[in-house]
């Protein structure tokens, strides 16, 4: 009787999403935080949306925020709360007042944002106040 010889299966490269090791992720986050910090502190930041490509999903997970919603805040800085500004500034290791100043500058320059801020409802147009007497 002869023993059957099985061919050893060759290890195939995994398909799908590439995963990084924890060390690689930490290094990536550290370098992106440093990049964001240097952009903010240098004064070269023209718009908050320039930071969006640098803000990764792993960074959002560490901050405890939703990546998509935080990306929306970077694109539309009027949606930032004071809490968000301070959390993000402390996360990247920069002064919150610099980040706040940039956001205030963007809001004050954008005429469309200002128009939306000064629009209020008229009390006579609100249904609950127009009940028959």
C-alpha atoms as a PDB file:
ATOM      1  CA  UNK A   1       0.000   0.000   0.000  1.00  0.00           C
ATOM      2  CA  UNK A   2       1.272   3.381  -0.886  1.00  0.00           C
ATOM      3  CA  UNK A   3       0.492   6.429   1.058  1.00  0.00           C
ATOM      4  CA  UNK A   4      -1.350   9.119  -0.766  1.00  0.00           C
ATOM      5  CA  UNK A   5       0.644  12.264  -1.014  1.00  0.00           C
ATOM      6  CA  UNK A   6      -1.360  15.436  -0.666  1.00  0.00           C
ATOM      7  CA  UNK A   7      -0.181  18.522  -2.374  1.00  0.00           C
ATOM      8  CA  UNK A   8       0.323  21.311   0.038  1.00  0.00           C
ATOM      9  CA  UNK A   9      -1.897  24.192  -0.744  1.00  0.00           C
ATOM     10  CA  UNK A  10      -0.134  27.353  -1.594  1.00  0.00           C
ATOM     11  CA  UNK A  11      -1.007  30.277   0.585  1.00  0.00           C
ATOM     12  CA  UNK A  12      -2.918  32.770  -1.473  1.00  0.00           C
ATOM     13  CA  UNK A  13      -2.873  36.465  -0.813  1.00  0.00           C
ATOM     14  CA  UNK A  14      -5.963  37.637   0.986  1.00  0.00           C
ATOM     15  CA  UNK A  15      -8.451  39.567  -1.050  1.00  0.00           C
ATOM     16  CA  UNK A  16     -10.459  42.492   0.132  1.00  0.00           C
ATOM     17  CA  UNK A  17      -9.642  45.312   2.467  1.00  0.00           C
ATOM     18  CA  UNK A  18      -6.071  45.538   3.634  1.00  0.00           C
ATOM     19  CA  UNK A  19      -5.675  45.686   7.368  1.00  0.00           C
ATOM     20  CA  UNK A  20      -2.907  47.391   9.260  1.00  0.00           C
ATOM     21  CA  UNK A  21      -1.349  46.211  12.460  1.00  0.00           C
ATOM     22  CA  UNK A  22      -2.012  48.170  15.640  1.00  0.00           C
ATOM     23  CA  UNK A  23       1.519  49.571  15.560  1.00  0.00           C
ATOM     24  CA  UNK A  24       1.041  50.748  11.967  1.00  0.00           C
ATOM     25  CA  UNK A  25      -2.278  52.398  12.871  1.00  0.00           C
ATOM     26  CA  UNK A  26      -0.742  54.170  15.864  1.00  0.00           C
ATOM     27  CA  UNK A  27       2.126  55.430  13.726  1.00  0.00           C
ATOM     28  CA  UNK A  28      -0.287  56.575  11.013  1.00  0.00           C
ATOM     29  CA  UNK A  29      -2.469  58.420  13.543  1.00  0.00           C
ATOM     30  CA  UNK A  30       0.563  60.033  15.154  1.00  0.00           C
ATOM     31  CA  UNK A  31       1.880  61.324  11.820  1.00  0.00           C
ATOM     32  CA  UNK A  32      -1.546  62.620  10.730  1.00  0.00           C
ATOM     33  CA  UNK A  33      -2.055  64.408  14.059  1.00  0.00           C
ATOM     34  CA  UNK A  34       1.357  66.009  13.679  1.00  0.00           C
ATOM     35  CA  UNK A  35       0.491  67.094  10.126  1.00  0.00           C
ATOM     36  CA  UNK A  36      -2.829  68.601  11.216  1.00  0.00           C
ATOM     37  CA  UNK A  37      -1.162  70.350  14.153  1.00  0.00           C
ATOM     38  CA  UNK A  38       1.570  71.855  11.977  1.00  0.00           C
ATOM     39  CA  UNK A  39      -0.968  73.079   9.391  1.00  0.00           C
ATOM     40  CA  UNK A  40      -3.079  74.779  12.073  1.00  0.00           C
ATOM     41  CA  UNK A  41      -0.142  76.314  13.939  1.00  0.00           C
ATOM     42  CA  UNK A  42       1.657  77.520  10.817  1.00  0.00           C
ATOM     43  CA  UNK A  43      -1.324  79.646   9.793  1.00  0.00           C
ATOM     44  CA  UNK A  44      -1.410  78.079   6.331  1.00  0.00           C
ATOM     45  CA  UNK A  45      -4.903  76.669   6.834  1.00  0.00           C
ATOM     46  CA  UNK A  46      -7.280  78.408   4.441  1.00  0.00           C
ATOM     47  CA  UNK A  47     -10.314  76.179   5.017  1.00  0.00           C
ATOM     48  CA  UNK A  48     -11.163  73.475   7.540  1.00  0.00           C
ATOM     49  CA  UNK A  49     -12.078  71.154   4.678  1.00  0.00           C
ATOM     50  CA  UNK A  50      -8.348  70.907   3.866  1.00  0.00           C
ATOM     51  CA  UNK A  51      -8.015  68.771   7.006  1.00  0.00           C
ATOM     52  CA  UNK A  52     -10.614  66.219   5.931  1.00  0.00           C
ATOM     53  CA  UNK A  53      -8.256  63.950   3.924  1.00  0.00           C
ATOM     54  CA  UNK A  54      -5.928  63.803   6.926  1.00  0.00           C
ATOM     55  CA  UNK A  55      -8.691  62.807   9.363  1.00  0.00           C
ATOM     56  CA  UNK A  56      -8.929  58.999   9.253  1.00  0.00           C
ATOM     57  CA  UNK A  57     -11.577  56.570  10.491  1.00  0.00           C
ATOM     58  CA  UNK A  58      -9.193  55.320  13.174  1.00  0.00           C
ATOM     59  CA  UNK A  59      -8.747  58.871  14.439  1.00  0.00           C
ATOM     60  CA  UNK A  60     -12.521  59.302  14.615  1.00  0.00           C
ATOM     61  CA  UNK A  61     -12.801  56.037  16.533  1.00  0.00           C
ATOM     62  CA  UNK A  62     -10.188  57.208  19.040  1.00  0.00           C
ATOM     63  CA  UNK A  63     -11.980  60.527  19.500  1.00  0.00           C
ATOM     64  CA  UNK A  64     -15.318  58.774  19.891  1.00  0.00           C
ATOM     65  CA  UNK A  65     -17.001  60.566  16.989  1.00  0.00           C
ATOM     66  CA  UNK A  66     -18.659  59.412  13.801  1.00  0.00           C
ATOM     67  CA  UNK A  67     -16.212  59.788  10.908  1.00  0.00           C
ATOM     68  CA  UNK A  68     -18.841  60.891   8.389  1.00  0.00           C
ATOM     69  CA  UNK A  69     -20.404  63.470  10.682  1.00  0.00           C
ATOM     70  CA  UNK A  70     -17.047  64.900  11.689  1.00  0.00           C
ATOM     71  CA  UNK A  71     -16.079  65.109   8.023  1.00  0.00           C
ATOM     72  CA  UNK A  72     -19.275  67.101   7.450  1.00  0.00           C
ATOM     73  CA  UNK A  73     -18.230  69.506  10.216  1.00  0.00           C
ATOM     74  CA  UNK A  74     -14.856  69.974   8.551  1.00  0.00           C
ATOM     75  CA  UNK A  75     -16.606  70.785   5.263  1.00  0.00           C
ATOM     76  CA  UNK A  76     -19.190  73.020   6.947  1.00  0.00           C
ATOM     77  CA  UNK A  77     -17.544  74.561  10.041  1.00  0.00           C
ATOM     78  CA  UNK A  78     -20.708  76.279  11.239  1.00  0.00           C
ATOM     79  CA  UNK A  79     -21.762  72.855  12.548  1.00  0.00           C
ATOM     80  CA  UNK A  80     -18.846  72.663  14.995  1.00  0.00           C
ATOM     81  CA  UNK A  81     -19.807  72.979  18.647  1.00  0.00           C
ATOM     82  CA  UNK A  82     -17.439  74.385  21.258  1.00  0.00           C
ATOM     83  CA  UNK A  83     -17.093  70.840  22.579  1.00  0.00           C
ATOM     84  CA  UNK A  84     -16.042  69.570  19.130  1.00  0.00           C
ATOM     85  CA  UNK A  85     -13.496  72.351  18.699  1.00  0.00           C
ATOM     86  CA  UNK A  86     -11.825  71.682  22.038  1.00  0.00           C
ATOM     87  CA  UNK A  87     -11.872  67.883  21.656  1.00  0.00           C
ATOM     88  CA  UNK A  88     -10.321  68.057  18.191  1.00  0.00           C
ATOM     89  CA  UNK A  89      -7.707  70.626  19.244  1.00  0.00           C
ATOM     90  CA  UNK A  90      -6.645  68.604  22.280  1.00  0.00           C
ATOM     91  CA  UNK A  91      -6.613  65.411  20.215  1.00  0.00           C
ATOM     92  CA  UNK A  92      -4.163  66.809  17.653  1.00  0.00           C
ATOM     93  CA  UNK A  93      -2.230  68.677  20.342  1.00  0.00           C
ATOM     94  CA  UNK A  94      -2.858  72.287  19.378  1.00  0.00           C
ATOM     95  CA  UNK A  95      -4.350  75.370  20.995  1.00  0.00           C
ATOM     96  CA  UNK A  96      -8.178  75.402  20.775  1.00  0.00           C
ATOM     97  CA  UNK A  97      -8.203  79.189  20.297  1.00  0.00           C
ATOM     98  CA  UNK A  98      -6.304  78.857  16.991  1.00  0.00           C
ATOM     99  CA  UNK A  99      -8.818  76.324  15.720  1.00  0.00           C
ATOM    100  CA  UNK A 100     -11.717  78.456  16.939  1.00  0.00           C
ATOM    101  CA  UNK A 101     -10.267  81.554  15.260  1.00  0.00           C
ATOM    102  CA  UNK A 102     -10.013  79.684  11.949  1.00  0.00           C
ATOM    103  CA  UNK A 103     -13.626  78.519  12.197  1.00  0.00           C
ATOM    104  CA  UNK A 104     -14.824  82.039  13.089  1.00  0.00           C
ATOM    105  CA  UNK A 105     -12.887  83.455  10.140  1.00  0.00           C
ATOM    106  CA  UNK A 106     -14.445  80.966   7.712  1.00  0.00           C
ATOM    107  CA  UNK A 107     -17.958  81.679   8.975  1.00  0.00           C
ATOM    108  CA  UNK A 108     -17.525  85.465   8.842  1.00  0.00           C
ATOM    109  CA  UNK A 109     -16.144  85.385   5.289  1.00  0.00           C
ATOM    110  CA  UNK A 110     -18.835  83.094   3.837  1.00  0.00           C
ATOM    111  CA  UNK A 111     -21.832  85.290   2.927  1.00  0.00           C
ATOM    112  CA  UNK A 112     -24.140  82.290   2.440  1.00  0.00           C
ATOM    113  CA  UNK A 113     -23.477  81.039   5.973  1.00  0.00           C
ATOM    114  CA  UNK A 114     -24.133  84.482   7.382  1.00  0.00           C
ATOM    115  CA  UNK A 115     -27.426  84.776   5.480  1.00  0.00           C
ATOM    116  CA  UNK A 116     -28.556  81.469   6.955  1.00  0.00           C
ATOM    117  CA  UNK A 117     -27.624  82.579  10.454  1.00  0.00           C
ATOM    118  CA  UNK A 118     -29.707  85.738  10.408  1.00  0.00           C
ATOM    119  CA  UNK A 119     -32.874  84.108   9.055  1.00  0.00           C
ATOM    120  CA  UNK A 120     -35.448  83.596  11.762  1.00  0.00           C
ATOM    121  CA  UNK A 121     -39.017  82.411  11.663  1.00  0.00           C
ATOM    122  CA  UNK A 122     -41.771  84.941  12.104  1.00  0.00           C
ATOM    123  CA  UNK A 123     -43.895  84.150  15.148  1.00  0.00           C
ATOM    124  CA  UNK A 124     -47.073  84.838  13.182  1.00  0.00           C
ATOM    125  CA  UNK A 125     -46.105  82.112  10.677  1.00  0.00           C
ATOM    126  CA  UNK A 126     -45.802  79.388  13.321  1.00  0.00           C
ATOM    127  CA  UNK A 127     -48.915  77.235  13.374  1.00  0.00           C
ATOM    128  CA  UNK A 128     -49.162  76.689  17.136  1.00  0.00           C
ATOM    129  CA  UNK A 129     -49.427  80.444  17.766  1.00  0.00           C
ATOM    130  CA  UNK A 130     -52.114  80.940  15.137  1.00  0.00           C
ATOM    131  CA  UNK A 131     -54.912  79.031  16.836  1.00  0.00           C
ATOM    132  CA  UNK A 132     -58.423  80.469  16.443  1.00  0.00           C
ATOM    133  CA  UNK A 133     -59.566  82.641  19.345  1.00  0.00           C
END
